[in-house]
């Protein structure tokens, strides 16, 4: 009987607590767009193909680093609101 009374009290308190305000996040920045793979054609100089691939990979990795930094800032902002 006591357990039922305590459970009713706990559940009643949960339903009365205010809901947090919804958060509207902005659209993802343009730099989070996918990096296209370079066009490599048959007969192309392998050094040119490698340079294009390296450039695309460096751009993609740079975007990943920026994305991680951005996420860290967003996370810190939400944690600071608590």
N, C-alpha and C. Protein backbone atom coordinates (compact mmCIF):
# COMPACT_ATOMS: atom_id res chain seq x y z
N UNK A 1 0.83 -1.19 0.00
CA UNK A 1 0.00 0.00 0.00
C UNK A 1 0.87 1.26 0.00
N UNK A 2 1.90 1.23 0.82
CA UNK A 2 2.80 2.37 0.90
C UNK A 2 3.53 2.57 -0.43
N UNK A 3 3.91 1.46 -1.06
CA UNK A 3 4.60 1.54 -2.35
C UNK A 3 3.70 2.18 -3.40
N UNK A 4 2.43 1.83 -3.41
CA UNK A 4 1.49 2.40 -4.38
C UNK A 4 1.32 3.90 -4.14
N UNK A 5 1.28 4.30 -2.89
CA UNK A 5 1.14 5.72 -2.55
C UNK A 5 2.38 6.50 -2.99
N UNK A 6 3.56 5.93 -2.73
CA UNK A 6 4.80 6.59 -3.15
C UNK A 6 4.90 6.69 -4.67
N UNK A 7 4.50 5.62 -5.35
CA UNK A 7 4.55 5.62 -6.81
C UNK A 7 3.61 6.68 -7.38
N UNK A 8 2.43 6.80 -6.82
CA UNK A 8 1.47 7.80 -7.29
C UNK A 8 2.01 9.20 -7.05
N UNK A 9 2.68 9.41 -5.93
CA UNK A 9 3.25 10.71 -5.62
C UNK A 9 4.38 11.06 -6.59
N UNK A 10 5.23 10.08 -6.86
CA UNK A 10 6.35 10.31 -7.77
C UNK A 10 5.85 10.59 -9.18
N UNK A 11 4.91 9.80 -9.66
CA UNK A 11 4.38 9.99 -11.01
C UNK A 11 3.62 11.31 -11.13
N UNK A 12 2.94 11.70 -10.09
CA UNK A 12 2.23 12.97 -10.10
C UNK A 12 3.19 14.15 -10.19
N UNK A 13 4.33 14.03 -9.55
CA UNK A 13 5.32 15.10 -9.60
C UNK A 13 5.94 15.21 -10.99
N UNK A 14 6.11 14.09 -11.65
CA UNK A 14 6.70 14.11 -13.00
C UNK A 14 5.79 14.82 -13.99
N UNK A 15 4.50 14.58 -13.89
CA UNK A 15 3.59 15.18 -14.86
C UNK A 15 3.42 16.67 -14.61
N UNK A 16 3.72 17.14 -13.42
CA UNK A 16 3.55 18.55 -13.10
C UNK A 16 4.80 19.37 -13.42
N UNK A 17 5.92 18.72 -13.71
CA UNK A 17 7.14 19.47 -13.97
C UNK A 17 7.06 20.15 -15.34
N UNK A 18 7.59 21.35 -15.46
CA UNK A 18 7.50 22.08 -16.73
C UNK A 18 8.38 21.42 -17.80
N UNK A 19 7.91 21.49 -19.03
CA UNK A 19 8.68 20.94 -20.14
C UNK A 19 9.69 21.99 -20.61
N UNK A 20 10.88 21.54 -21.01
CA UNK A 20 11.86 22.52 -21.49
C UNK A 20 11.38 23.14 -22.81
N UNK A 21 11.79 24.36 -23.03
CA UNK A 21 11.42 25.06 -24.26
C UNK A 21 12.09 24.38 -25.45
N UNK A 22 11.40 24.27 -26.57
CA UNK A 22 12.03 23.65 -27.75
C UNK A 22 13.18 24.51 -28.26
N UNK A 23 14.15 23.86 -28.82
CA UNK A 23 15.33 24.55 -29.34
C UNK A 23 15.31 24.45 -30.86
N UNK A 24 15.45 25.57 -31.53
CA UNK A 24 15.48 25.61 -32.99
C UNK A 24 16.93 25.84 -33.41
N UNK A 25 17.57 24.79 -33.91
CA UNK A 25 18.95 24.92 -34.37
C UNK A 25 18.98 25.43 -35.80
N UNK A 26 20.01 26.18 -36.15
CA UNK A 26 20.12 26.68 -37.53
C UNK A 26 20.44 25.54 -38.50
N UNK A 27 20.29 25.83 -39.77
CA UNK A 27 20.66 24.85 -40.79
C UNK A 27 22.17 24.60 -40.72
N UNK A 28 22.57 23.45 -41.19
CA UNK A 28 24.00 23.11 -41.18
C UNK A 28 24.76 24.08 -42.09
N UNK A 29 25.96 24.47 -41.68
CA UNK A 29 26.77 25.38 -42.51
C UNK A 29 27.15 24.73 -43.84
N UNK A 30 27.44 25.56 -44.83
CA UNK A 30 27.80 25.07 -46.16
C UNK A 30 29.05 24.20 -46.15
N UNK A 31 29.96 24.47 -45.23
CA UNK A 31 31.21 23.71 -45.23
C UNK A 31 31.00 22.28 -44.77
N UNK A 32 29.80 21.93 -44.32
CA UNK A 32 29.52 20.54 -43.96
C UNK A 32 29.00 19.73 -45.14
N UNK A 33 28.94 20.35 -46.30
CA UNK A 33 28.49 19.63 -47.50
C UNK A 33 29.53 18.57 -47.88
N UNK A 34 29.10 17.49 -48.51
CA UNK A 34 30.05 16.45 -48.92
C UNK A 34 31.09 16.99 -49.90
N UNK A 35 32.28 16.44 -49.82
CA UNK A 35 33.35 16.80 -50.75
C UNK A 35 33.27 15.83 -51.92
N UNK A 36 33.10 16.35 -53.13
CA UNK A 36 33.00 15.44 -54.28
C UNK A 36 34.33 14.76 -54.56
N UNK A 37 34.24 13.53 -55.00
CA UNK A 37 35.48 12.83 -55.37
C UNK A 37 35.96 13.37 -56.71
N UNK A 38 37.27 13.43 -56.89
CA UNK A 38 37.81 14.00 -58.13
C UNK A 38 37.53 13.10 -59.33
N UNK A 39 37.39 13.74 -60.48
CA UNK A 39 37.18 12.98 -61.73
C UNK A 39 38.53 12.45 -62.21
N UNK A 40 38.62 11.15 -62.29
CA UNK A 40 39.85 10.51 -62.76
C UNK A 40 39.50 9.73 -64.02
N UNK A 41 40.23 10.00 -65.09
CA UNK A 41 39.93 9.38 -66.38
C UNK A 41 41.03 8.41 -66.78
N UNK A 42 40.66 7.48 -67.61
CA UNK A 42 41.62 6.51 -68.13
C UNK A 42 42.70 7.25 -68.91
N UNK A 43 43.93 6.90 -68.66
CA UNK A 43 45.05 7.53 -69.35
C UNK A 43 45.57 8.79 -68.66
N UNK A 44 44.92 9.21 -67.58
CA UNK A 44 45.36 10.41 -66.87
C UNK A 44 46.69 10.12 -66.16
N UNK A 45 47.52 11.11 -66.11
CA UNK A 45 48.79 10.98 -65.39
C UNK A 45 48.49 10.62 -63.93
N UNK A 46 49.11 9.59 -63.43
CA UNK A 46 48.85 9.13 -62.06
C UNK A 46 49.18 10.20 -61.03
N UNK A 47 50.17 11.03 -61.32
CA UNK A 47 50.54 12.09 -60.37
C UNK A 47 49.43 13.13 -60.26
N UNK A 48 48.79 13.43 -61.39
CA UNK A 48 47.68 14.38 -61.38
C UNK A 48 46.49 13.79 -60.61
N UNK A 49 46.20 12.52 -60.87
CA UNK A 49 45.10 11.86 -60.18
C UNK A 49 45.36 11.82 -58.67
N UNK A 50 46.59 11.52 -58.30
CA UNK A 50 46.94 11.48 -56.88
C UNK A 50 46.83 12.87 -56.25
N UNK A 51 47.26 13.89 -56.96
CA UNK A 51 47.18 15.26 -56.44
C UNK A 51 45.73 15.67 -56.24
N UNK A 52 44.87 15.33 -57.19
CA UNK A 52 43.44 15.67 -57.05
C UNK A 52 42.81 14.92 -55.88
N UNK A 53 43.16 13.66 -55.74
CA UNK A 53 42.63 12.86 -54.64
C UNK A 53 43.13 13.40 -53.30
N UNK A 54 44.40 13.74 -53.24
CA UNK A 54 44.97 14.29 -52.01
C UNK A 54 44.29 15.61 -51.64
N UNK A 55 44.05 16.45 -52.63
CA UNK A 55 43.40 17.74 -52.38
C UNK A 55 41.98 17.54 -51.85
N UNK A 56 41.24 16.61 -52.46
CA UNK A 56 39.87 16.34 -51.99
C UNK A 56 39.88 15.77 -50.57
N UNK A 57 40.83 14.91 -50.29
CA UNK A 57 40.94 14.32 -48.96
C UNK A 57 41.30 15.38 -47.92
N UNK A 58 42.22 16.27 -48.27
CA UNK A 58 42.60 17.34 -47.35
C UNK A 58 41.41 18.27 -47.08
N UNK A 59 40.63 18.57 -48.11
CA UNK A 59 39.45 19.41 -47.94
C UNK A 59 38.43 18.71 -47.04
N UNK A 60 38.21 17.43 -47.28
CA UNK A 60 37.25 16.67 -46.46
C UNK A 60 37.70 16.61 -45.00
N UNK A 61 38.97 16.36 -44.77
CA UNK A 61 39.48 16.30 -43.40
C UNK A 61 39.38 17.65 -42.72
N UNK A 62 39.62 18.73 -43.46
CA UNK A 62 39.47 20.06 -42.90
C UNK A 62 38.03 20.33 -42.47
N UNK A 63 37.10 19.88 -43.30
CA UNK A 63 35.69 20.06 -42.95
C UNK A 63 35.32 19.23 -41.73
N UNK A 64 35.87 18.04 -41.62
CA UNK A 64 35.61 17.22 -40.44
C UNK A 64 36.13 17.89 -39.17
N UNK A 65 37.31 18.46 -39.26
CA UNK A 65 37.87 19.16 -38.09
C UNK A 65 37.00 20.36 -37.71
N UNK A 66 36.55 21.12 -38.71
CA UNK A 66 35.68 22.25 -38.43
C UNK A 66 34.35 21.78 -37.85
N UNK A 67 33.85 20.67 -38.36
CA UNK A 67 32.60 20.12 -37.84
C UNK A 67 32.71 19.70 -36.39
N UNK A 68 33.83 19.07 -36.05
CA UNK A 68 34.05 18.67 -34.65
C UNK A 68 34.13 19.89 -33.75
N UNK A 69 34.81 20.93 -34.21
CA UNK A 69 34.93 22.15 -33.41
C UNK A 69 33.56 22.80 -33.23
N UNK A 70 32.79 22.85 -34.31
CA UNK A 70 31.45 23.43 -34.25
C UNK A 70 30.56 22.64 -33.29
N UNK A 71 30.63 21.32 -33.39
CA UNK A 71 29.82 20.49 -32.49
C UNK A 71 30.23 20.72 -31.04
N UNK A 72 31.51 20.86 -30.79
CA UNK A 72 31.98 21.13 -29.43
C UNK A 72 31.42 22.44 -28.89
N UNK A 73 31.35 23.45 -29.75
CA UNK A 73 30.79 24.73 -29.32
C UNK A 73 29.29 24.62 -29.04
N UNK A 74 28.58 23.90 -29.90
CA UNK A 74 27.14 23.71 -29.69
C UNK A 74 26.90 22.93 -28.41
N UNK A 75 27.67 21.88 -28.21
CA UNK A 75 27.53 21.06 -27.00
C UNK A 75 27.81 21.88 -25.75
N UNK A 76 28.87 22.67 -25.80
CA UNK A 76 29.22 23.51 -24.65
C UNK A 76 28.11 24.52 -24.37
N UNK A 77 27.49 25.04 -25.43
CA UNK A 77 26.40 25.99 -25.25
C UNK A 77 25.20 25.36 -24.57
N UNK A 78 24.87 24.14 -24.97
CA UNK A 78 23.74 23.46 -24.33
C UNK A 78 24.07 23.08 -22.89
N UNK A 79 25.30 22.68 -22.64
CA UNK A 79 25.68 22.31 -21.27
C UNK A 79 25.72 23.53 -20.37
N UNK A 80 26.03 24.69 -20.93
CA UNK A 80 26.07 25.92 -20.14
C UNK A 80 24.69 26.41 -19.75
N UNK A 81 23.65 25.95 -20.45
CA UNK A 81 22.29 26.39 -20.15
C UNK A 81 21.69 25.66 -18.97
N UNK A 82 22.29 24.56 -18.58
CA UNK A 82 21.71 23.76 -17.49
C UNK A 82 22.05 24.32 -16.15
